Protein backbone atom coordinates (compact mmCIF):
# COMPACT_ATOMS: atom_id res chain seq x y z
CA MET A 1 -5.51 228.21 202.90
CA LYS A 2 -6.15 225.12 204.95
CA THR A 3 -3.25 224.56 207.31
CA THR A 4 -3.81 225.21 211.00
CA VAL A 5 -1.05 225.30 213.60
CA GLY A 6 -2.69 225.14 217.01
CA ALA A 7 -4.95 228.18 217.08
CA PHE A 8 -2.92 229.78 214.30
CA SER A 9 -4.72 229.49 210.97
CA ALA A 10 -2.76 229.90 207.76
CA SER A 11 -5.77 231.64 206.26
CA GLY A 12 -5.07 234.66 208.43
CA PHE A 13 -1.37 234.30 208.04
CA GLY A 14 0.65 237.03 206.46
CA CYS A 15 -1.52 240.16 206.53
CA PRO A 16 1.02 243.01 206.71
CA PRO A 17 0.70 245.24 209.79
CA ALA A 18 -0.53 248.77 209.06
CA ARG A 19 2.86 250.29 209.88
CA VAL A 20 4.54 247.96 207.38
CA ILE A 21 2.02 249.01 204.73
CA GLN A 22 2.72 252.63 205.54
CA ARG A 23 6.46 252.13 205.26
CA MET A 24 6.09 250.32 201.95
CA ALA A 25 4.26 253.35 200.58
CA THR A 26 7.45 255.40 200.96
CA ILE A 27 9.65 253.07 198.92
CA GLY A 28 10.96 254.66 195.72
CA PHE A 29 10.67 252.39 192.74
CA ARG A 30 12.36 252.30 189.37
CA TYR A 31 10.00 253.14 186.50
CA VAL A 32 6.78 252.77 188.41
CA SER A 33 8.60 249.67 189.73
CA VAL A 34 8.27 245.97 189.35
CA LEU A 35 7.12 246.01 192.95
CA ALA A 36 4.49 248.62 192.16
CA VAL A 37 1.95 245.90 191.46
CA PHE A 38 2.45 244.41 194.90
CA THR A 39 2.52 247.79 196.63
CA LEU A 40 -0.63 248.95 194.89
CA PHE A 41 -2.36 245.78 195.95
CA ILE A 42 -1.41 246.20 199.58
CA LEU A 43 -2.15 249.90 199.72
CA GLY A 44 -5.50 249.55 197.98
CA LEU A 45 -4.45 252.21 195.45
CA ALA A 46 -5.34 249.78 192.67
CA ILE A 47 -7.02 246.42 192.38
CA LEU A 48 -4.49 245.32 191.16
CA THR A 49 14.92 218.52 172.12
CA LEU A 50 18.07 217.90 170.39
CA ALA A 51 17.04 214.34 169.50
CA GLN A 52 17.31 215.55 165.91
CA SER A 53 20.75 216.31 164.51
CA PRO A 54 21.54 219.77 163.17
CA THR A 55 21.37 218.32 159.65
CA SER A 56 17.63 217.79 160.03
CA PRO A 57 15.21 220.32 158.49
CA LYS A 58 14.60 221.90 161.87
CA MET A 59 16.81 224.94 162.37
CA LEU A 60 18.17 224.74 165.90
CA THR A 61 18.91 227.48 168.40
CA GLY A 62 21.98 227.53 170.62
CA THR A 63 24.42 229.76 172.42
CA TYR A 64 28.09 229.98 173.37
CA PHE A 65 29.75 229.66 176.75
CA PRO A 66 26.94 229.69 179.33
CA ASP A 67 27.60 228.75 182.94
CA ASP A 68 26.35 225.37 184.12
CA GLY A 69 23.61 227.16 186.04
CA ASP A 70 22.32 228.73 182.81
CA PHE A 71 21.22 225.45 181.20
CA LYS A 72 17.82 225.45 182.90
CA THR A 73 17.17 229.01 181.74
CA LEU A 74 18.25 228.20 178.20
CA LYS A 75 16.01 225.17 178.08
CA ALA A 76 13.10 227.27 179.34
CA LEU A 77 13.75 229.64 176.43
CA GLY A 78 13.49 226.72 174.05
CA TYR A 79 17.19 226.62 173.12
CA ASP A 80 18.42 223.27 171.83
CA PHE A 81 22.16 223.29 172.55
CA ALA A 82 25.12 225.22 173.95
CA VAL A 83 28.82 225.40 173.11
CA VAL A 84 31.02 224.88 176.17
CA THR A 85 34.73 224.41 176.85
CA LEU A 86 36.14 221.90 179.34
CA ARG A 87 39.47 222.61 181.01
CA LEU A 88 41.86 219.69 180.66
CA ASP A 89 43.39 220.44 184.07
CA ASP A 90 40.00 220.29 185.83
CA VAL A 91 38.78 216.76 185.19
CA ALA A 92 36.41 216.95 188.16
CA SER A 93 34.33 219.60 186.36
CA TRP A 94 33.64 217.56 183.23
CA LYS A 95 30.89 215.36 184.57
CA PRO A 96 28.99 218.10 186.46
CA THR A 97 28.84 220.22 183.30
CA LEU A 98 27.48 217.42 181.15
CA ASP A 99 25.15 216.25 183.91
CA ALA A 100 23.74 219.76 184.31
CA ALA A 101 22.97 219.95 180.60
CA GLN A 102 21.55 216.43 180.41
CA SER A 103 19.32 216.96 183.44
CA VAL A 104 17.33 219.62 181.59
CA GLY A 105 17.54 218.09 178.11
CA MET A 106 20.21 220.39 176.63
CA LYS A 107 22.74 219.11 174.10
CA LEU A 108 26.34 220.32 173.92
CA MET A 109 29.10 221.10 171.47
CA VAL A 110 32.20 220.58 173.61
CA GLY A 111 35.66 222.04 173.26
CA ALA A 112 38.81 221.42 175.32
CA TYR A 113 41.34 223.95 176.61
CA PRO A 114 44.27 224.10 176.17
CA PRO A 115 43.87 222.50 172.71
CA PRO A 116 44.89 218.84 173.01
CA TYR A 117 45.80 218.48 169.32
CA VAL A 118 49.48 218.82 168.35
CA GLN A 119 50.62 219.01 164.74
CA ASP A 120 53.78 217.10 163.82
CA GLY A 121 54.57 217.78 160.20
CA ALA A 122 51.64 216.53 158.17
CA ALA A 123 50.36 214.38 161.04
CA TRP A 124 48.53 215.11 164.26
CA THR A 125 48.99 213.78 167.78
CA ILE A 126 46.32 213.88 170.45
CA THR A 127 47.81 214.48 173.89
CA SER A 128 47.17 212.10 176.78
CA SER A 129 44.79 214.60 178.38
CA GLY A 130 43.11 214.99 175.02
CA MET A 131 42.65 211.23 174.78
CA ALA A 132 41.12 211.27 178.25
CA VAL A 133 38.56 213.93 177.35
CA LEU A 134 37.72 212.28 174.02
CA THR A 135 37.25 208.93 175.74
CA TYR A 136 34.98 210.50 178.33
CA LEU A 137 32.95 212.46 175.81
CA GLN A 138 32.44 209.34 173.73
CA THR A 139 30.72 207.76 176.73
CA ARG A 140 28.42 210.79 176.82
CA ALA A 141 27.55 210.77 173.12
CA ASP A 142 23.87 211.12 174.04
CA VAL A 143 24.67 214.65 175.24
CA VAL A 144 27.55 215.64 172.93
CA ILE A 145 26.56 216.45 169.35
CA ALA A 146 29.96 217.76 168.22
CA LEU A 147 33.50 218.52 169.28
CA TYR A 148 34.30 222.23 169.13
CA VAL A 149 37.90 222.12 167.93
CA PHE A 150 39.23 225.60 167.05
CA ASN A 151 38.20 229.24 166.93
CA GLU A 152 39.17 230.81 163.58
CA PRO A 153 42.13 228.49 162.85
CA TYR A 154 42.58 229.94 159.35
CA SER A 155 43.25 233.48 160.54
CA SER A 156 44.78 233.04 163.99
CA ASN A 157 47.05 230.82 166.06
CA PRO A 158 44.76 228.81 168.38
CA TYR A 159 47.64 228.14 170.77
CA ALA A 160 49.35 231.51 171.14
CA GLY A 161 46.76 233.88 169.71
CA GLY A 162 47.45 236.63 167.23
CA ASP A 163 46.48 237.12 163.60
CA ILE A 164 48.33 235.15 160.95
CA PRO A 165 48.00 237.13 157.69
CA CYS A 166 48.89 234.23 155.38
CA GLY A 167 46.83 231.66 157.25
CA PHE A 168 47.80 229.35 160.11
CA PHE A 169 46.25 225.90 159.61
CA SER A 170 45.44 225.02 156.02
CA ALA A 171 42.24 223.27 154.98
CA GLY A 172 44.30 220.13 154.49
CA ASP A 173 45.62 220.39 158.05
CA LEU A 174 42.11 220.54 159.48
CA ARG A 175 40.90 217.74 157.22
CA THR A 176 43.67 215.50 158.54
CA LEU A 177 42.86 216.52 162.13
CA ARG A 178 39.21 215.58 161.63
CA SER A 179 40.29 212.15 160.37
CA THR A 180 42.65 211.75 163.33
CA ILE A 181 39.93 212.55 165.87
CA GLN A 182 37.47 210.23 164.16
CA GLY A 183 40.12 207.51 164.30
CA VAL A 184 39.83 207.72 168.10
CA TRP A 185 36.08 208.33 168.16
CA PRO A 186 34.45 206.96 165.03
CA GLY A 187 31.42 209.00 164.10
CA ALA A 188 32.47 212.06 166.08
CA LYS A 189 31.22 215.31 164.55
CA ILE A 190 33.64 218.23 164.28
CA TYR A 191 32.74 221.91 164.68
CA GLN A 192 35.11 224.63 163.49
CA ASP A 193 34.42 228.36 163.86
CA LEU A 194 35.77 229.84 160.61
CA GLY A 195 33.99 233.18 160.28
CA GLY A 196 34.08 233.65 156.48
CA PRO A 197 35.61 230.59 154.79
CA SER A 198 34.80 231.70 151.22
CA GLN A 199 37.09 234.71 151.66
CA TRP A 200 40.05 232.33 151.97
CA ALA A 201 39.28 230.35 148.82
CA PRO A 202 40.99 231.24 145.52
CA GLY A 203 39.23 234.32 144.19
CA GLY A 204 37.96 235.25 147.66
CA SER A 205 38.28 238.79 148.95
CA TYR A 206 40.91 237.96 151.57
CA THR A 207 43.03 235.84 149.25
CA ALA A 208 42.92 238.60 146.63
CA SER A 209 44.37 241.09 149.12
CA HIS A 210 46.83 238.56 150.59
CA PRO A 211 48.45 236.64 147.72
CA CYS A 212 50.64 234.78 150.23
CA VAL A 213 47.59 232.64 151.13
CA GLY A 214 48.00 230.83 147.81
CA ASP A 215 45.89 227.72 147.39
CA LYS A 216 45.90 226.59 151.04
CA TYR A 217 42.11 226.80 151.06
CA ALA A 218 41.30 225.73 147.50
CA ASP A 219 39.77 222.48 148.74
CA GLN A 220 37.80 222.92 151.97
CA THR A 221 35.86 219.66 151.87
CA GLY A 222 36.13 217.44 154.92
CA VAL A 223 37.34 220.25 157.18
CA ALA A 224 34.38 219.94 159.56
CA ASP A 225 30.84 218.73 160.00
CA TYR A 226 29.61 222.12 161.25
CA VAL A 227 31.13 225.49 160.38
CA GLY A 228 30.48 228.70 162.30
CA ILE A 229 30.04 231.79 160.12
CA TRP A 230 29.37 235.29 161.37
CA ALA A 231 28.83 238.92 160.51
CA TYR A 232 28.19 241.57 163.14
CA PRO A 233 25.78 244.21 161.82
CA PHE A 234 25.56 246.46 164.93
CA THR A 235 28.37 249.02 165.07
CA ILE A 236 28.85 252.68 165.89
CA HIS A 237 28.13 253.31 162.20
CA GLY A 238 24.62 251.84 162.42
CA TYR A 239 22.77 248.61 161.64
CA ASP A 240 24.16 247.16 158.40
CA ARG A 241 21.40 244.62 157.91
CA ASN A 242 21.69 244.21 154.15
CA GLY A 243 25.46 243.99 154.03
CA ALA A 244 25.72 241.47 156.86
CA LEU A 245 22.85 239.37 155.54
CA SER A 246 24.39 239.28 152.08
CA PHE A 247 27.69 238.13 153.58
CA LEU A 248 26.04 235.34 155.58
CA ARG A 249 24.02 234.20 152.58
CA ARG A 250 27.20 233.86 150.54
CA GLU A 251 29.06 232.05 153.32
CA ALA A 252 26.18 229.63 153.98
CA SER A 253 26.05 228.77 150.28
CA PHE A 254 29.82 228.25 150.19
CA VAL A 255 29.74 225.91 153.21
CA LEU A 256 26.93 223.83 151.71
CA ASN A 257 28.40 223.65 148.20
CA SER A 258 32.18 223.62 148.78
CA MET A 259 32.75 222.22 152.28
CA GLN A 260 30.85 218.93 152.30
CA PRO A 261 29.75 217.41 154.64
CA ALA A 262 29.68 220.64 156.63
CA GLN A 263 26.53 222.49 157.66
CA PRO A 264 26.61 226.25 158.37
CA ILE A 265 25.80 227.75 161.77
CA SER A 266 25.29 231.50 162.05
CA LEU A 267 26.81 233.10 165.13
CA ASN A 268 24.22 235.76 165.89
CA GLN A 269 26.45 237.74 168.16
CA ALA A 270 24.79 240.32 170.40
CA PHE A 271 27.18 242.25 172.61
CA ALA A 272 28.89 245.59 173.08
CA CYS A 273 32.64 246.06 172.77
CA THR A 274 33.95 249.62 172.92
CA ASN A 275 37.48 248.41 172.13
CA CYS A 276 36.43 246.61 168.96
CA ASP A 277 37.03 248.11 165.54
CA PRO A 278 34.76 249.66 164.25
CA GLY A 279 33.12 249.50 167.66
CA PHE A 280 30.45 246.90 168.28
CA VAL A 281 27.32 248.16 170.02
CA PHE A 282 24.45 246.28 171.60
CA PRO A 283 21.42 246.20 169.28
CA THR A 284 18.07 247.71 170.10
CA ALA A 285 15.28 245.24 170.84
CA GLU A 286 13.78 245.88 167.40
CA GLN A 287 17.15 245.26 165.72
CA ALA A 288 17.77 242.05 167.67
CA LEU A 289 14.39 240.65 166.63
CA ASP A 290 14.85 241.71 163.02
CA TRP A 291 18.31 240.10 162.85
CA ASN A 292 17.05 236.92 164.49
CA CYS A 293 14.28 236.53 161.92
CA ALA A 294 16.40 237.64 158.94
CA THR A 295 19.09 235.02 159.62
CA ARG A 296 16.48 232.31 160.07
CA SER A 297 15.53 232.83 156.41
CA LEU A 298 18.96 231.49 155.38
CA PRO A 299 19.83 227.81 154.75
CA LEU A 300 21.38 227.23 158.18
CA ALA A 301 21.60 224.25 160.48
CA ALA A 302 21.40 226.51 163.52
CA VAL A 303 21.36 230.04 164.85
CA ASP A 304 23.82 230.33 167.71
CA TRP A 305 23.66 233.41 169.94
CA TYR A 306 27.31 234.20 170.70
CA PRO A 307 28.29 234.84 173.43
CA TRP A 308 25.85 234.29 176.29
CA ARG A 309 28.10 235.51 179.12
CA LYS A 310 30.30 238.51 178.35
CA PHE A 311 34.04 238.24 178.04
CA SER A 312 36.50 240.62 179.68
CA SER A 313 36.52 242.98 176.70
CA TYR A 314 32.73 243.10 176.36
CA THR A 315 30.68 245.64 178.26
CA GLN A 316 27.40 243.83 177.66
CA ALA A 317 26.18 240.43 176.49
CA LEU A 318 22.85 238.75 175.94
CA ALA A 319 22.68 237.35 179.49
CA ASP A 320 22.68 240.94 180.78
CA SER A 321 19.42 241.75 178.99
CA PRO A 322 16.64 239.29 179.90
CA ARG A 323 14.09 241.45 178.07
CA TYR A 324 15.80 240.43 174.81
CA TRP A 325 15.66 236.69 175.39
CA PRO A 326 12.16 236.13 173.95
CA LEU A 327 13.35 237.92 170.79
CA THR A 328 16.01 235.29 170.00
CA THR A 329 13.74 232.28 169.59
CA PRO A 330 12.31 230.88 166.35
CA GLU A 331 8.79 231.47 167.70
CA ALA A 332 9.53 235.20 167.96
CA CYS A 333 9.44 235.32 164.15
CA GLY A 334 5.83 234.15 164.01
CA PRO A 335 2.91 236.34 162.96
CA GLY A 336 1.88 239.06 165.39
CA MET A 337 5.13 238.96 167.36
CA GLY A 338 7.10 242.11 168.00
CA ALA A 339 9.67 243.87 170.18
CA GLY A 340 7.51 246.78 171.32
CA ALA A 341 5.86 245.12 174.32
CA ILE A 342 7.85 242.40 176.08
CA GLY A 343 6.11 240.69 178.99
CA LEU A 344 8.25 240.23 182.11
CA SER A 345 7.41 238.83 185.52
CA ALA A 346 6.20 241.73 187.66
CA ALA A 347 8.07 240.22 190.62
CA SER A 348 11.44 239.11 189.25
CA GLY A 349 11.73 241.04 185.98
CA MET A 350 12.59 237.78 184.20
CA PRO A 351 10.99 236.93 180.82
CA PHE A 352 9.05 233.90 182.08
CA VAL A 353 5.44 234.24 183.13
CA ALA A 354 2.51 231.92 183.77
CA ALA A 355 -1.20 232.01 183.20
CA ASP A 356 -2.93 233.98 185.97
CA SER A 357 0.33 235.69 186.94
CA LEU A 358 1.28 239.36 187.22
CA VAL A 359 3.18 240.69 184.22
CA SER A 360 4.86 244.03 183.45
CA ILE A 361 5.71 245.76 180.19
CA TYR A 362 8.21 248.64 180.12
CA GLY A 363 8.68 251.22 177.39
CA ALA A 364 7.87 254.78 176.36
CA ASN A 365 4.56 256.37 175.37
CA LEU A 366 2.65 253.26 176.39
CA ALA A 367 -0.30 255.26 177.72
CA SER A 368 -1.40 258.90 177.82
CA SER A 369 -2.08 258.96 181.57
CA THR A 370 -1.29 257.16 184.81
CA LEU A 371 -4.26 255.14 186.02
CA SER A 372 -4.92 252.03 188.08
CA ALA A 373 -7.85 249.66 188.28
CA GLN A 374 -10.42 250.63 190.87
CA SER A 375 -12.36 247.39 191.21
CA GLN A 376 -12.29 243.66 190.81
CA PRO A 377 -12.71 241.74 188.59
CA LEU A 378 -10.02 243.75 186.87
CA PRO A 379 -11.08 245.66 183.76
CA THR A 380 -9.69 244.88 180.29
CA SER A 381 -9.55 248.57 179.41
CA ILE A 382 -8.15 251.49 181.41
CA GLY A 383 -7.87 254.97 179.95
CA GLY A 384 -8.27 253.63 176.44
CA VAL A 385 -5.50 251.04 176.90
CA THR A 386 -6.21 247.41 175.98
CA LEU A 387 -3.90 244.41 175.71
CA GLN A 388 -4.70 241.39 173.57
CA VAL A 389 -2.95 238.03 174.03
CA ARG A 390 -2.89 235.33 171.35
CA ASP A 391 -1.53 231.93 172.42
CA THR A 392 -0.06 229.00 170.49
CA THR A 393 -3.50 227.52 169.82
CA GLY A 394 -4.66 230.74 168.16
CA THR A 395 -6.93 231.63 171.07
CA THR A 396 -7.15 235.37 171.66
CA GLN A 397 -8.09 236.99 174.96
CA LYS A 398 -8.01 240.46 176.45
CA ALA A 399 -5.77 240.75 179.50
CA PRO A 400 -7.07 242.13 182.82
CA LEU A 401 -5.23 245.41 183.46
CA VAL A 402 -3.86 246.47 186.84
CA PHE A 403 -2.02 249.71 186.07
CA VAL A 404 -1.15 251.83 183.02
CA SER A 405 1.31 254.68 182.55
CA ALA A 406 3.56 256.08 179.86
CA SER A 407 6.47 253.86 180.92
CA GLN A 408 4.83 250.76 182.42
CA ILE A 409 1.81 248.52 181.99
CA ASN A 410 0.93 245.93 184.67
CA PHE A 411 -1.53 243.19 183.79
CA VAL A 412 -2.60 239.65 184.61
CA MET A 413 -1.84 236.99 182.02
CA PRO A 414 -5.27 235.49 181.24
CA ALA A 415 -5.96 232.28 183.14
CA GLY A 416 -6.88 230.29 180.03
CA ILE A 417 -3.73 231.04 178.05
CA SER A 418 -1.84 227.94 176.86
CA PRO A 419 1.90 227.63 177.59
CA GLY A 420 4.26 228.71 174.82
CA GLN A 421 5.40 231.96 173.24
CA VAL A 422 2.41 234.27 172.91
CA ALA A 423 1.81 237.38 170.83
CA LEU A 424 0.85 240.62 172.57
CA THR A 425 -0.93 243.57 170.97
CA LEU A 426 -1.01 246.77 173.04
CA THR A 427 -3.45 249.45 171.92
CA SER A 428 -3.48 252.84 173.63
CA GLY A 429 -4.23 255.54 171.11
CA MET A 430 -0.76 256.99 171.73
CA ASN A 431 0.66 255.37 168.59
CA SER A 432 0.01 252.47 166.27
CA PRO A 433 -0.74 249.23 168.11
CA LEU A 434 2.47 247.84 169.60
CA ALA A 435 3.28 244.19 168.83
CA GLY A 436 5.07 242.24 171.53
CA THR A 437 5.58 238.80 172.97
CA ALA A 438 5.86 236.85 176.21
CA LEU A 439 7.10 233.40 177.20
CA VAL A 440 4.31 231.61 179.06
CA ARG A 441 5.18 228.55 181.13
CA SER A 442 2.93 226.32 183.24
CA VAL A 443 4.63 227.82 186.30
CA ALA A 444 7.01 230.76 186.52
CA PRO A 445 7.76 231.20 190.24
CA ALA A 446 8.87 234.71 191.17
CA LEU A 447 9.04 236.51 194.52
CA PHE A 448 8.64 240.23 195.18
CA THR A 449 11.46 242.16 196.84
CA VAL A 450 11.20 245.48 198.68
CA ASP A 451 13.57 247.34 196.34
CA ALA A 452 11.66 246.37 193.18
CA SER A 453 14.68 244.72 191.56
CA GLY A 454 13.70 241.09 192.02
CA LYS A 455 16.89 240.83 194.07
CA GLY A 456 17.59 241.64 197.68
CA VAL A 457 15.31 241.68 200.73
CA ALA A 458 12.06 239.73 200.45
CA ALA A 459 8.78 241.65 200.48
CA ALA A 460 7.50 239.38 203.23
CA THR A 461 5.75 239.42 206.58
CA ALA A 462 6.37 237.23 209.63
CA THR A 463 4.42 236.12 212.69
CA ARG A 464 5.57 234.58 215.96
CA VAL A 465 3.20 232.13 217.66
CA ASP A 466 4.10 231.78 221.34
CA SER A 467 3.38 228.90 223.70
CA ASN A 468 -0.03 230.43 224.48
CA GLN A 469 -0.89 230.52 220.77
CA LYS A 470 -0.71 234.31 220.78
CA GLN A 471 0.27 235.75 217.40
CA LEU A 472 2.77 238.62 217.31
CA PRO A 473 3.98 240.41 214.16
CA VAL A 474 7.71 240.19 213.46
CA PRO A 475 9.42 242.78 211.20
CA VAL A 476 11.23 241.39 208.15
CA PHE A 477 12.56 244.61 206.64
CA ASN A 478 13.00 248.27 207.51
CA CYS A 479 12.98 251.21 205.13
CA LYS A 480 14.54 254.64 205.64
CA GLY A 481 13.64 256.81 202.72
CA THR A 482 14.34 254.76 199.62
CA VAL A 483 16.83 252.44 201.35
CA CYS A 484 15.43 249.17 202.69
CA THR A 485 17.36 246.62 204.71
CA SER A 486 16.53 243.27 206.25
CA VAL A 487 15.67 243.04 209.94
CA PRO A 488 17.14 240.02 211.77
CA ILE A 489 14.41 237.65 212.96
CA ASP A 490 15.19 236.32 216.42
CA LEU A 491 14.54 232.56 216.48
CA GLY A 492 15.91 232.10 219.97
CA VAL A 493 12.92 233.38 221.93
CA ASP A 494 9.70 231.68 222.94
CA GLY A 495 7.46 230.48 220.14
CA SER A 496 7.66 229.50 216.49
CA VAL A 497 8.15 231.88 213.58
CA TYR A 498 6.20 231.66 210.33
CA VAL A 499 6.87 233.77 207.22
CA SER A 500 4.55 234.77 204.38
CA LEU A 501 6.13 235.43 201.01
CA TYR A 502 4.38 237.21 198.16
CA GLY A 503 4.96 236.33 194.54
CA THR A 504 3.37 235.30 191.28
CA GLY A 505 3.47 232.45 188.76
CA ILE A 506 3.22 229.86 191.55
CA ARG A 507 -0.42 228.83 191.88
CA ASN A 508 -0.55 226.38 188.94
CA HIS A 509 1.94 223.95 190.48
CA ASN A 510 1.33 220.22 190.06
CA SER A 511 3.64 218.94 192.80
CA GLU A 512 4.64 219.99 196.30
CA VAL A 513 6.36 223.37 196.50
CA ALA A 514 9.75 223.31 198.23
CA CYS A 515 11.51 226.15 200.03
CA SER A 516 15.20 226.38 200.79
CA ILE A 517 16.75 228.94 203.13
CA ASN A 518 20.53 228.99 203.27
CA ARG A 519 20.28 225.55 201.58
CA ILE A 520 18.19 224.24 204.46
CA SER A 521 14.77 222.84 203.58
CA VAL A 522 11.90 224.45 205.48
CA PRO A 523 8.23 223.36 205.61
CA VAL A 524 5.80 224.92 203.13
CA LEU A 525 2.33 225.18 204.64
CA TYR A 526 0.59 226.85 201.73
CA ALA A 527 1.47 227.90 198.19
CA GLY A 528 -1.22 229.34 195.97
CA ALA A 529 -3.42 232.30 195.21
CA GLN A 530 -3.30 235.08 197.79
CA GLY A 531 -7.07 235.24 197.55
CA GLU A 532 -7.76 238.96 197.57
CA TYR A 533 -5.92 240.31 194.55
CA GLU A 534 -5.85 238.83 191.05
CA GLY A 535 -2.53 237.35 190.01
CA LEU A 536 -0.93 237.65 193.47
CA ASP A 537 0.33 234.44 195.08
CA GLN A 538 1.26 233.74 198.71
CA VAL A 539 3.56 231.13 200.20
CA ASN A 540 3.48 230.41 203.94
CA ILE A 541 6.51 228.69 205.46
CA GLY A 542 7.41 227.53 208.94
CA PRO A 543 7.97 226.82 211.68
CA LEU A 544 11.54 227.87 211.05
CA ALA A 545 14.30 225.92 212.76
CA HIS A 546 18.06 225.38 212.43
CA LEU A 547 18.55 228.91 211.07
CA SER A 548 19.51 230.80 214.24
CA GLY A 549 22.63 232.88 213.75
CA SER A 550 22.73 232.38 209.98
CA GLY A 551 22.49 236.11 209.25
CA GLU A 552 21.21 237.43 205.93
CA VAL A 553 20.80 234.47 203.58
CA ASP A 554 19.08 233.45 200.35
CA LEU A 555 15.59 231.99 200.20
CA VAL A 556 14.53 230.12 197.05
CA LEU A 557 11.32 228.36 196.06
CA ILE A 558 11.29 225.28 193.85
CA VAL A 559 8.00 224.93 191.98
CA ASP A 560 7.59 221.93 189.67
CA GLY A 561 11.35 221.87 189.25
CA GLN A 562 11.59 225.60 188.47
CA SER A 563 13.52 227.89 190.82
CA SER A 564 12.32 231.31 191.83
CA ASN A 565 14.57 234.32 192.01
CA PRO A 566 16.54 234.21 195.30
CA VAL A 567 15.44 236.73 197.92
CA ARG A 568 17.12 237.66 201.19
CA VAL A 569 15.92 237.03 204.75
CA ASN A 570 17.82 237.57 207.99
CA PHE A 571 18.06 235.48 211.16
CA ARG A 572 19.67 236.33 214.49
């Protein structure tokens, strides 16, 4: 730590006062807590691209209906595209959405709401607002890979909702609509979510039980370029893997052989809906991984995790469960991968980690006793527990261990591990070796918080340097029992205030680290290894200005373009 401010050296900057250490010892943590690594360090208790089209051989990965702010996360996961809907009455939002996707290299399938396509007899008319959105999207063809037109237009009314037992739009209707759209935008690709199109063909199960369907779906060629098919295997009755997989296999074959030029996309839905019949439940981690890999054995153009954000009727969706995210990628189906030991940032709880960063695994029966490392360098075995990491180059290393218990393992991702999705093998003697995985990035900035959640008040220290260069500690948080709150830092008195933040996944940065507090840029004096404890990083910021009276606000680090979890600091 090289920066010196007058007589104030950054190398001495940020050592927590003894009373702060003592207070941190009383904090109650979930599990052992994602902050346990940091606390144990301080206390000394332990030494602690979619350039290819979906018709290419590569099977792509996407998701439905993320927020604009999710694109960076999805790209970090390795997702290729997302399905989004633009509101026709909010023209100002179109460009920001496409810009947000393009800025991180995500492609989009784009729908419009309300639907701008009006049927007039056998013909179709595109509304003026529909023409506007088509014209705009055509100028952004480098981002847009398809137009998402309708959701289940065979079985429901896309305008008013409700099931239509005898079918709403026929295959001929949708074929004409595709031609009409392509008359405005030649070469535009059309995506229709149809669920189970073979069921509507003559001889299909739905047509057999609903003779009124007739031959409306006898010829389904030219309906779309991409067709969404889906089967949800996770219900209150159990995991119907074989039945759902058989259904998807049949539908994929039907799309490829009877719906040219369409390519099938499986909607790998993962959500909970207590109001659904027969009651959709959220899968276990093992089930999610198994379903991901099973569907990728089918002849699909893409696997599309639907939805990302939950709808009003859903009680849970994939975005609510970051631990599951590494299980949805194609790499998760590689040899040695598993769902039994998922590596998460020890600071933020997010599934992105970096070499030489602190990582946590949560579960049950992970170890037979609760033990922490007693020396540095950290050992690679504690109480019979070892953790092996194999990276994308095939290199295998044992991870330095910080802490082991039945419900949590804390370790340092080996410094030499290459970025990519890695395989973890946890051996403890409690059960058969557990296979797991982690997403390793070059940087994965994460900051510790005092409540162990990765959200809320920063686990930070502060120092005031007065006009005589005297250094005085400044409290940042206060804990009463298990409840911790931020303490307002007074910036209106003599001297300059400097803050030390503690995190992980930061030290490998290639460019200057930026810090924003309440959207105000503040100087970063140092960002790198903390120096005493393996895997722990420290960021020194200050002097702080222009923040007086701002109250409790968010602080975020930007490291090589990646944002940390926001943490809270308070200014009087």
